[in-house]
Amino acid sequence: MRDQLTKKEFDLLQFLHQHQNQVLSRDQLLDEVWGKHICVDNRTVDNFISTLKRRLELVEGKPYFIRSVRGVGYSLVQGSSS
């Protein structure tokens, strides 16, 4: 990756990786990454996901992609090597 991840970006990516190929809702991500007692908007997740998507595209040889599932949430999937 060209740029260093922030702590929160890393935490989000780590949680997605731990639940790879599972679709996680924004609420699940907010609760697990930001904490249940933190007051942040659901759009916060969208903004962080957008940043991670751009950064993951820069990783050669490690084709991981964050897939958006409309109306549900997000999932980290590993792309095929073909």
PDB file of N, CA and C in Angstrom:
ATOM      1  N   MET A   1       0.841  -1.177   0.000  1.00  0.00           N
ATOM      2  CA  MET A   1       0.000   0.000   0.000  1.00  0.00           C
ATOM      3  C   MET A   1       0.878   1.229   0.000  1.00  0.00           C
ATOM      4  N   ARG A   2       0.455   2.176  -0.783  1.00  0.00           N
ATOM      5  CA  ARG A   2       1.254   3.383  -0.904  1.00  0.00           C
ATOM      6  C   ARG A   2       1.223   4.179   0.392  1.00  0.00           C
ATOM      7  N   ASP A   3       0.087   4.336   0.982  1.00  0.00           N
ATOM      8  CA  ASP A   3      -0.070   5.117   2.206  1.00  0.00           C
ATOM      9  C   ASP A   3      -0.277   4.187   3.385  1.00  0.00           C
ATOM     10  N   GLN A   4       0.128   4.663   4.546  1.00  0.00           N
ATOM     11  CA  GLN A   4      -0.130   3.932   5.776  1.00  0.00           C
ATOM     12  C   GLN A   4      -1.617   4.024   6.118  1.00  0.00           C
ATOM     13  N   LEU A   5      -2.146   2.948   6.663  1.00  0.00           N
ATOM     14  CA  LEU A   5      -3.527   2.974   7.133  1.00  0.00           C
ATOM     15  C   LEU A   5      -3.585   3.675   8.481  1.00  0.00           C
ATOM     16  N   THR A   6      -4.693   4.361   8.726  1.00  0.00           N
ATOM     17  CA  THR A   6      -4.924   4.898  10.064  1.00  0.00           C
ATOM     18  C   THR A   6      -5.290   3.724  10.979  1.00  0.00           C
ATOM     19  N   LYS A   7      -5.287   3.951  12.259  1.00  0.00           N
ATOM     20  CA  LYS A   7      -5.641   2.898  13.216  1.00  0.00           C
ATOM     21  C   LYS A   7      -7.051   2.375  12.935  1.00  0.00           C
ATOM     22  N   LYS A   8      -7.995   3.263  12.706  1.00  0.00           N
ATOM     23  CA  LYS A   8      -9.382   2.845  12.485  1.00  0.00           C
ATOM     24  C   LYS A   8      -9.523   2.102  11.161  1.00  0.00           C
ATOM     25  N   GLU A   9      -8.814   2.550  10.117  1.00  0.00           N
ATOM     26  CA  GLU A   9      -8.832   1.831   8.837  1.00  0.00           C
ATOM     27  C   GLU A   9      -8.285   0.420   9.015  1.00  0.00           C
ATOM     28  N   PHE A  10      -7.189   0.316   9.764  1.00  0.00           N
ATOM     29  CA  PHE A  10      -6.605  -1.000  10.028  1.00  0.00           C
ATOM     30  C   PHE A  10      -7.573  -1.874  10.807  1.00  0.00           C
ATOM     31  N   ASP A  11      -8.198  -1.320  11.843  1.00  0.00           N
ATOM     32  CA  ASP A  11      -9.164  -2.084  12.645  1.00  0.00           C
ATOM     33  C   ASP A  11     -10.320  -2.587  11.783  1.00  0.00           C
ATOM     34  N   LEU A  12     -10.814  -1.734  10.903  1.00  0.00           N
ATOM     35  CA  LEU A  12     -11.911  -2.107  10.019  1.00  0.00           C
ATOM     36  C   LEU A  12     -11.471  -3.212   9.060  1.00  0.00           C
ATOM     37  N   LEU A  13     -10.316  -3.056   8.452  1.00  0.00           N
ATOM     38  CA  LEU A  13      -9.811  -4.065   7.525  1.00  0.00           C
ATOM     39  C   LEU A  13      -9.558  -5.385   8.242  1.00  0.00           C
ATOM     40  N   GLN A  14      -9.023  -5.323   9.439  1.00  0.00           N
ATOM     41  CA  GLN A  14      -8.771  -6.535  10.225  1.00  0.00           C
ATOM     42  C   GLN A  14     -10.085  -7.259  10.550  1.00  0.00           C
ATOM     43  N   PHE A  15     -11.109  -6.514  10.936  1.00  0.00           N
ATOM     44  CA  PHE A  15     -12.398  -7.129  11.252  1.00  0.00           C
ATOM     45  C   PHE A  15     -13.009  -7.760  10.005  1.00  0.00           C
ATOM     46  N   LEU A  16     -12.935  -7.060   8.885  1.00  0.00           N
ATOM     47  CA  LEU A  16     -13.432  -7.624   7.625  1.00  0.00           C
ATOM     48  C   LEU A  16     -12.671  -8.904   7.273  1.00  0.00           C
ATOM     49  N   HIS A  17     -11.355  -8.883   7.481  1.00  0.00           N
ATOM     50  CA  HIS A  17     -10.534 -10.058   7.166  1.00  0.00           C
ATOM     51  C   HIS A  17     -10.893 -11.234   8.070  1.00  0.00           C
ATOM     52  N   GLN A  18     -11.144 -10.961   9.332  1.00  0.00           N
ATOM     53  CA  GLN A  18     -11.523 -12.021  10.277  1.00  0.00           C
ATOM     54  C   GLN A  18     -12.858 -12.645   9.897  1.00  0.00           C
ATOM     55  N   HIS A  19     -13.675 -11.919   9.161  1.00  0.00           N
ATOM     56  CA  HIS A  19     -14.998 -12.396   8.751  1.00  0.00           C
ATOM     57  C   HIS A  19     -15.090 -12.434   7.229  1.00  0.00           C
ATOM     58  N   GLN A  20     -13.977 -12.811   6.621  1.00  0.00           N
ATOM     59  CA  GLN A  20     -13.877 -12.846   5.162  1.00  0.00           C
ATOM     60  C   GLN A  20     -15.002 -13.660   4.548  1.00  0.00           C
ATOM     61  N   ASN A  21     -15.534 -13.155   3.454  1.00  0.00           N
ATOM     62  CA  ASN A  21     -16.631 -13.774   2.693  1.00  0.00           C
ATOM     63  C   ASN A  21     -17.978 -13.753   3.414  1.00  0.00           C
ATOM     64  N   GLN A  22     -18.055 -13.073   4.550  1.00  0.00           N
ATOM     65  CA  GLN A  22     -19.331 -12.888   5.245  1.00  0.00           C
ATOM     66  C   GLN A  22     -19.798 -11.456   4.971  1.00  0.00           C
ATOM     67  N   VAL A  23     -21.076 -11.287   4.754  1.00  0.00           N
ATOM     68  CA  VAL A  23     -21.616  -9.940   4.578  1.00  0.00           C
ATOM     69  C   VAL A  23     -21.905  -9.365   5.957  1.00  0.00           C
ATOM     70  N   LEU A  24     -21.310  -8.217   6.223  1.00  0.00           N
ATOM     71  CA  LEU A  24     -21.461  -7.558   7.522  1.00  0.00           C
ATOM     72  C   LEU A  24     -22.224  -6.252   7.324  1.00  0.00           C
ATOM     73  N   SER A  25     -23.197  -6.016   8.178  1.00  0.00           N
ATOM     74  CA  SER A  25     -23.990  -4.788   8.078  1.00  0.00           C
ATOM     75  C   SER A  25     -23.195  -3.596   8.618  1.00  0.00           C
ATOM     76  N   ARG A  26     -23.641  -2.413   8.259  1.00  0.00           N
ATOM     77  CA  ARG A  26     -23.018  -1.201   8.788  1.00  0.00           C
ATOM     78  C   ARG A  26     -23.098  -1.190  10.313  1.00  0.00           C
ATOM     79  N   ASP A  27     -24.248  -1.595  10.852  1.00  0.00           N
ATOM     80  CA  ASP A  27     -24.407  -1.608  12.308  1.00  0.00           C
ATOM     81  C   ASP A  27     -23.422  -2.568  12.966  1.00  0.00           C
ATOM     82  N   GLN A  28     -23.219  -3.743  12.367  1.00  0.00           N
ATOM     83  CA  GLN A  28     -22.236  -4.689  12.912  1.00  0.00           C
ATOM     84  C   GLN A  28     -20.840  -4.068  12.905  1.00  0.00           C
ATOM     85  N   LEU A  29     -20.484  -3.439  11.797  1.00  0.00           N
ATOM     86  CA  LEU A  29     -19.165  -2.824  11.695  1.00  0.00           C
ATOM     87  C   LEU A  29     -19.013  -1.687  12.695  1.00  0.00           C
ATOM     88  N   LEU A  30     -20.040  -0.858  12.828  1.00  0.00           N
ATOM     89  CA  LEU A  30     -19.987   0.235  13.806  1.00  0.00           C
ATOM     90  C   LEU A  30     -19.806  -0.310  15.220  1.00  0.00           C
ATOM     91  N   ASP A  31     -20.598  -1.308  15.594  1.00  0.00           N
ATOM     92  CA  ASP A  31     -20.524  -1.866  16.943  1.00  0.00           C
ATOM     93  C   ASP A  31     -19.168  -2.496  17.227  1.00  0.00           C
ATOM     94  N   GLU A  32     -18.652  -3.261  16.278  1.00  0.00           N
ATOM     95  CA  GLU A  32     -17.431  -4.020  16.510  1.00  0.00           C
ATOM     96  C   GLU A  32     -16.152  -3.211  16.321  1.00  0.00           C
ATOM     97  N   VAL A  33     -16.159  -2.270  15.411  1.00  0.00           N
ATOM     98  CA  VAL A  33     -14.938  -1.506  15.125  1.00  0.00           C
ATOM     99  C   VAL A  33     -14.907  -0.191  15.903  1.00  0.00           C
ATOM    100  N   TRP A  34     -16.027   0.506  15.961  1.00  0.00           N
ATOM    101  CA  TRP A  34     -16.069   1.786  16.663  1.00  0.00           C
ATOM    102  C   TRP A  34     -16.528   1.630  18.106  1.00  0.00           C
ATOM    103  N   GLY A  35     -17.306   0.599  18.397  1.00  0.00           N
ATOM    104  CA  GLY A  35     -17.803   0.379  19.750  1.00  0.00           C
ATOM    105  C   GLY A  35     -19.270   0.726  19.875  1.00  0.00           C
ATOM    106  N   LYS A  36     -19.958   0.021  20.732  1.00  0.00           N
ATOM    107  CA  LYS A  36     -21.402   0.184  20.889  1.00  0.00           C
ATOM    108  C   LYS A  36     -21.785   1.527  21.506  1.00  0.00           C
ATOM    109  N   HIS A  37     -20.856   2.138  22.234  1.00  0.00           N
ATOM    110  CA  HIS A  37     -21.191   3.365  22.957  1.00  0.00           C
ATOM    111  C   HIS A  37     -20.660   4.623  22.267  1.00  0.00           C
ATOM    112  N   ILE A  38     -20.175   4.463  21.051  1.00  0.00           N
ATOM    113  CA  ILE A  38     -19.684   5.605  20.293  1.00  0.00           C
ATOM    114  C   ILE A  38     -20.799   6.077  19.357  1.00  0.00           C
ATOM    115  N   CYS A  39     -21.026   7.364  19.335  1.00  0.00           N
ATOM    116  CA  CYS A  39     -22.098   7.913  18.499  1.00  0.00           C
ATOM    117  C   CYS A  39     -21.506   8.424  17.191  1.00  0.00           C
ATOM    118  N   VAL A  40     -21.582   7.568  16.163  1.00  0.00           N
ATOM    119  CA  VAL A  40     -21.152   7.959  14.820  1.00  0.00           C
ATOM    120  C   VAL A  40     -22.236   7.551  13.836  1.00  0.00           C
ATOM    121  N   ASP A  41     -22.250   8.201  12.710  1.00  0.00           N
ATOM    122  CA  ASP A  41     -23.256   7.974  11.678  1.00  0.00           C
ATOM    123  C   ASP A  41     -22.907   6.745  10.846  1.00  0.00           C
ATOM    124  N   ASN A  42     -23.927   6.062  10.307  1.00  0.00           N
ATOM    125  CA  ASN A  42     -23.699   4.919   9.416  1.00  0.00           C
ATOM    126  C   ASN A  42     -22.847   5.305   8.213  1.00  0.00           C
ATOM    127  N   ARG A  43     -22.946   6.549   7.783  1.00  0.00           N
ATOM    128  CA  ARG A  43     -22.157   7.006   6.627  1.00  0.00           C
ATOM    129  C   ARG A  43     -20.665   6.988   6.938  1.00  0.00           C
ATOM    130  N   THR A  44     -20.310   6.996   8.209  1.00  0.00           N
ATOM    131  CA  THR A  44     -18.902   6.887   8.602  1.00  0.00           C
ATOM    132  C   THR A  44     -18.311   5.604   8.043  1.00  0.00           C
ATOM    133  N   VAL A  45     -19.049   4.506   8.164  1.00  0.00           N
ATOM    134  CA  VAL A  45     -18.600   3.225   7.635  1.00  0.00           C
ATOM    135  C   VAL A  45     -18.407   3.332   6.130  1.00  0.00           C
ATOM    136  N   ASP A  46     -19.365   3.935   5.439  1.00  0.00           N
ATOM    137  CA  ASP A  46     -19.276   4.084   3.987  1.00  0.00           C
ATOM    138  C   ASP A  46     -18.012   4.847   3.583  1.00  0.00           C
ATOM    139  N   ASN A  47     -17.704   5.901   4.316  1.00  0.00           N
ATOM    140  CA  ASN A  47     -16.519   6.700   3.999  1.00  0.00           C
ATOM    141  C   ASN A  47     -15.235   5.903   4.206  1.00  0.00           C
ATOM    142  N   PHE A  48     -15.153   5.160   5.295  1.00  0.00           N
ATOM    143  CA  PHE A  48     -13.971   4.344   5.556  1.00  0.00           C
ATOM    144  C   PHE A  48     -13.843   3.221   4.529  1.00  0.00           C
ATOM    145  N   ILE A  49     -14.955   2.608   4.166  1.00  0.00           N
ATOM    146  CA  ILE A  49     -14.951   1.541   3.156  1.00  0.00           C
ATOM    147  C   ILE A  49     -14.457   2.097   1.823  1.00  0.00           C
ATOM    148  N   SER A  50     -14.922   3.267   1.460  1.00  0.00           N
ATOM    149  CA  SER A  50     -14.505   3.895   0.210  1.00  0.00           C
ATOM    150  C   SER A  50     -12.990   4.103   0.180  1.00  0.00           C
ATOM    151  N   THR A  51     -12.440   4.583   1.277  1.00  0.00           N
ATOM    152  CA  THR A  51     -10.999   4.791   1.371  1.00  0.00           C
ATOM    153  C   THR A  51     -10.249   3.463   1.273  1.00  0.00           C
ATOM    154  N   LEU A  52     -10.725   2.452   1.981  1.00  0.00           N
ATOM    155  CA  LEU A  52     -10.059   1.146   1.932  1.00  0.00           C
ATOM    156  C   LEU A  52     -10.119   0.544   0.533  1.00  0.00           C
ATOM    157  N   LYS A  53     -11.227   0.694  -0.155  1.00  0.00           N
ATOM    158  CA  LYS A  53     -11.337   0.174  -1.514  1.00  0.00           C
ATOM    159  C   LYS A  53     -10.254   0.780  -2.404  1.00  0.00           C
ATOM    160  N   ARG A  54     -10.065   2.076  -2.304  1.00  0.00           N
ATOM    161  CA  ARG A  54      -9.030   2.743  -3.111  1.00  0.00           C
ATOM    162  C   ARG A  54      -7.646   2.232  -2.748  1.00  0.00           C
ATOM    163  N   ARG A  55      -7.387   2.051  -1.483  1.00  0.00           N
ATOM    164  CA  ARG A  55      -6.055   1.620  -1.044  1.00  0.00           C
ATOM    165  C   ARG A  55      -5.781   0.159  -1.387  1.00  0.00           C
ATOM    166  N   LEU A  56      -6.781  -0.691  -1.304  1.00  0.00           N
ATOM    167  CA  LEU A  56      -6.572  -2.109  -1.612  1.00  0.00           C
ATOM    168  C   LEU A  56      -6.280  -2.332  -3.084  1.00  0.00           C
ATOM    169  N   GLU A  57      -6.769  -1.448  -3.930  1.00  0.00           N
ATOM    170  CA  GLU A  57      -6.491  -1.567  -5.360  1.00  0.00           C
ATOM    171  C   GLU A  57      -5.004  -1.419  -5.647  1.00  0.00           C
ATOM    172  N   LEU A  58      -4.258  -0.812  -4.742  1.00  0.00           N
ATOM    173  CA  LEU A  58      -2.836  -0.563  -4.946  1.00  0.00           C
ATOM    174  C   LEU A  58      -1.956  -1.745  -4.559  1.00  0.00           C
ATOM    175  N   VAL A  59      -2.530  -2.776  -3.953  1.00  0.00           N
ATOM    176  CA  VAL A  59      -1.749  -3.911  -3.479  1.00  0.00           C
ATOM    177  C   VAL A  59      -1.621  -4.937  -4.598  1.00  0.00           C
ATOM    178  N   GLU A  60      -0.448  -5.027  -5.175  1.00  0.00           N
ATOM    179  CA  GLU A  60      -0.229  -5.981  -6.256  1.00  0.00           C
ATOM    180  C   GLU A  60       0.006  -7.371  -5.679  1.00  0.00           C
ATOM    181  N   GLY A  61      -0.544  -8.392  -6.333  1.00  0.00           N
ATOM    182  CA  GLY A  61      -0.346  -9.761  -5.904  1.00  0.00           C
ATOM    183  C   GLY A  61      -1.222 -10.197  -4.747  1.00  0.00           C
ATOM    184  N   LYS A  62      -1.984  -9.294  -4.182  1.00  0.00           N
ATOM    185  CA  LYS A  62      -2.890  -9.608  -3.074  1.00  0.00           C
ATOM    186  C   LYS A  62      -4.271  -9.081  -3.430  1.00  0.00           C
ATOM    187  N   PRO A  63      -4.954  -9.744  -4.331  1.00  0.00           N
ATOM    188  CA  PRO A  63      -6.228  -9.200  -4.824  1.00  0.00           C
ATOM    189  C   PRO A  63      -7.390  -9.388  -3.844  1.00  0.00           C
ATOM    190  N   TYR A  64      -7.465  -8.510  -2.863  1.00  0.00           N
ATOM    191  CA  TYR A  64      -8.606  -8.489  -1.953  1.00  0.00           C
ATOM    192  C   TYR A  64      -9.518  -7.346  -2.363  1.00  0.00           C
ATOM    193  N   PHE A  65     -10.798  -7.598  -2.280  1.00  0.00           N
ATOM    194  CA  PHE A  65     -11.762  -6.589  -2.681  1.00  0.00           C
ATOM    195  C   PHE A  65     -12.861  -6.492  -1.641  1.00  0.00           C
ATOM    196  N   ILE A  66     -13.290  -5.290  -1.387  1.00  0.00           N
ATOM    197  CA  ILE A  66     -14.435  -5.088  -0.513  1.00  0.00           C
ATOM    198  C   ILE A  66     -15.644  -4.974  -1.424  1.00  0.00           C
ATOM    199  N   ARG A  67     -16.561  -5.893  -1.232  1.00  0.00           N
ATOM    200  CA  ARG A  67     -17.758  -5.960  -2.069  1.00  0.00           C
ATOM    201  C   ARG A  67     -18.918  -5.304  -1.317  1.00  0.00           C
ATOM    202  N   SER A  68     -19.599  -4.407  -1.994  1.00  0.00           N
ATOM    203  CA  SER A  68     -20.795  -3.778  -1.429  1.00  0.00           C
ATOM    204  C   SER A  68     -22.001  -4.644  -1.764  1.00  0.00           C
ATOM    205  N   VAL A  69     -22.809  -4.933  -0.751  1.00  0.00           N
ATOM    206  CA  VAL A  69     -24.043  -5.695  -0.947  1.00  0.00           C
ATOM    207  C   VAL A  69     -25.177  -4.717  -0.653  1.00  0.00           C
ATOM    208  N   ARG A  70     -25.798  -4.258  -1.710  1.00  0.00           N
ATOM    209  CA  ARG A  70     -26.808  -3.197  -1.593  1.00  0.00           C
ATOM    210  C   ARG A  70     -27.896  -3.549  -0.575  1.00  0.00           C
ATOM    211  N   GLY A  71     -28.134  -2.635   0.335  1.00  0.00           N
ATOM    212  CA  GLY A  71     -29.171  -2.803   1.336  1.00  0.00           C
ATOM    213  C   GLY A  71     -28.788  -3.711   2.499  1.00  0.00           C
ATOM    214  N   VAL A  72     -27.562  -4.280   2.448  1.00  0.00           N
ATOM    215  CA  VAL A  72     -27.144  -5.198   3.514  1.00  0.00           C
ATOM    216  C   VAL A  72     -25.873  -4.715   4.190  1.00  0.00           C
ATOM    217  N   GLY A  73     -24.771  -4.587   3.431  1.00  0.00           N
ATOM    218  CA  GLY A  73     -23.524  -4.177   4.027  1.00  0.00           C
ATOM    219  C   GLY A  73     -22.338  -4.456   3.115  1.00  0.00           C
ATOM    220  N   TYR A  74     -21.254  -4.964   3.707  1.00  0.00           N
ATOM    221  CA  TYR A  74     -20.003  -5.148   2.996  1.00  0.00           C
ATOM    222  C   TYR A  74     -19.389  -6.501   3.309  1.00  0.00           C
ATOM    223  N   SER A  75     -18.555  -6.959   2.371  1.00  0.00           N
ATOM    224  CA  SER A  75     -17.862  -8.227   2.532  1.00  0.00           C
ATOM    225  C   SER A  75     -16.476  -8.120   1.929  1.00  0.00           C
ATOM    226  N   LEU A  76     -15.478  -8.713   2.582  1.00  0.00           N
ATOM    227  CA  LEU A  76     -14.130  -8.788   2.040  1.00  0.00           C
ATOM    228  C   LEU A  76     -13.981 -10.124   1.340  1.00  0.00           C
ATOM    229  N   VAL A  77     -13.638 -10.088   0.071  1.00  0.00           N
ATOM    230  CA  VAL A  77     -13.476 -11.317  -0.704  1.00  0.00           C
ATOM    231  C   VAL A  77     -12.112 -11.277  -1.377  1.00  0.00           C
ATOM    232  N   GLN A  78     -11.539 -12.447  -1.548  1.00  0.00           N
ATOM    233  CA  GLN A  78     -10.259 -12.535  -2.250  1.00  0.00           C
ATOM    234  C   GLN A  78     -10.548 -12.843  -3.708  1.00  0.00           C
ATOM    235  N   GLY A  79      -9.952 -12.057  -4.593  1.00  0.00           N
ATOM    236  CA  GLY A  79     -10.159 -12.248  -6.023  1.00  0.00           C
ATOM    237  C   GLY A  79      -9.416 -13.458  -6.525  1.00  0.00           C
ATOM    238  N   SER A  80      -9.852 -13.946  -7.677  1.00  0.00           N
ATOM    239  CA  SER A  80      -9.181 -15.102  -8.285  1.00  0.00           C
ATOM    240  C   SER A  80      -7.856 -14.665  -8.878  1.00  0.00           C
ATOM    241  N   SER A  81      -6.926 -15.600  -8.966  1.00  0.00           N
ATOM    242  CA  SER A  81      -5.604 -15.286  -9.504  1.00  0.00           C
ATOM    243  C   SER A  81      -5.549 -15.498 -11.000  1.00  0.00           C
ATOM    244  N   SER A  82      -6.663 -15.890 -11.641  1.00  0.00           N
ATOM    245  CA  SER A  82      -6.664 -16.121 -13.081  1.00  0.00           C
ATOM    246  C   SER A  82      -6.894 -14.862 -13.867  1.00  0.00           C
TER     247      SER A  82
END
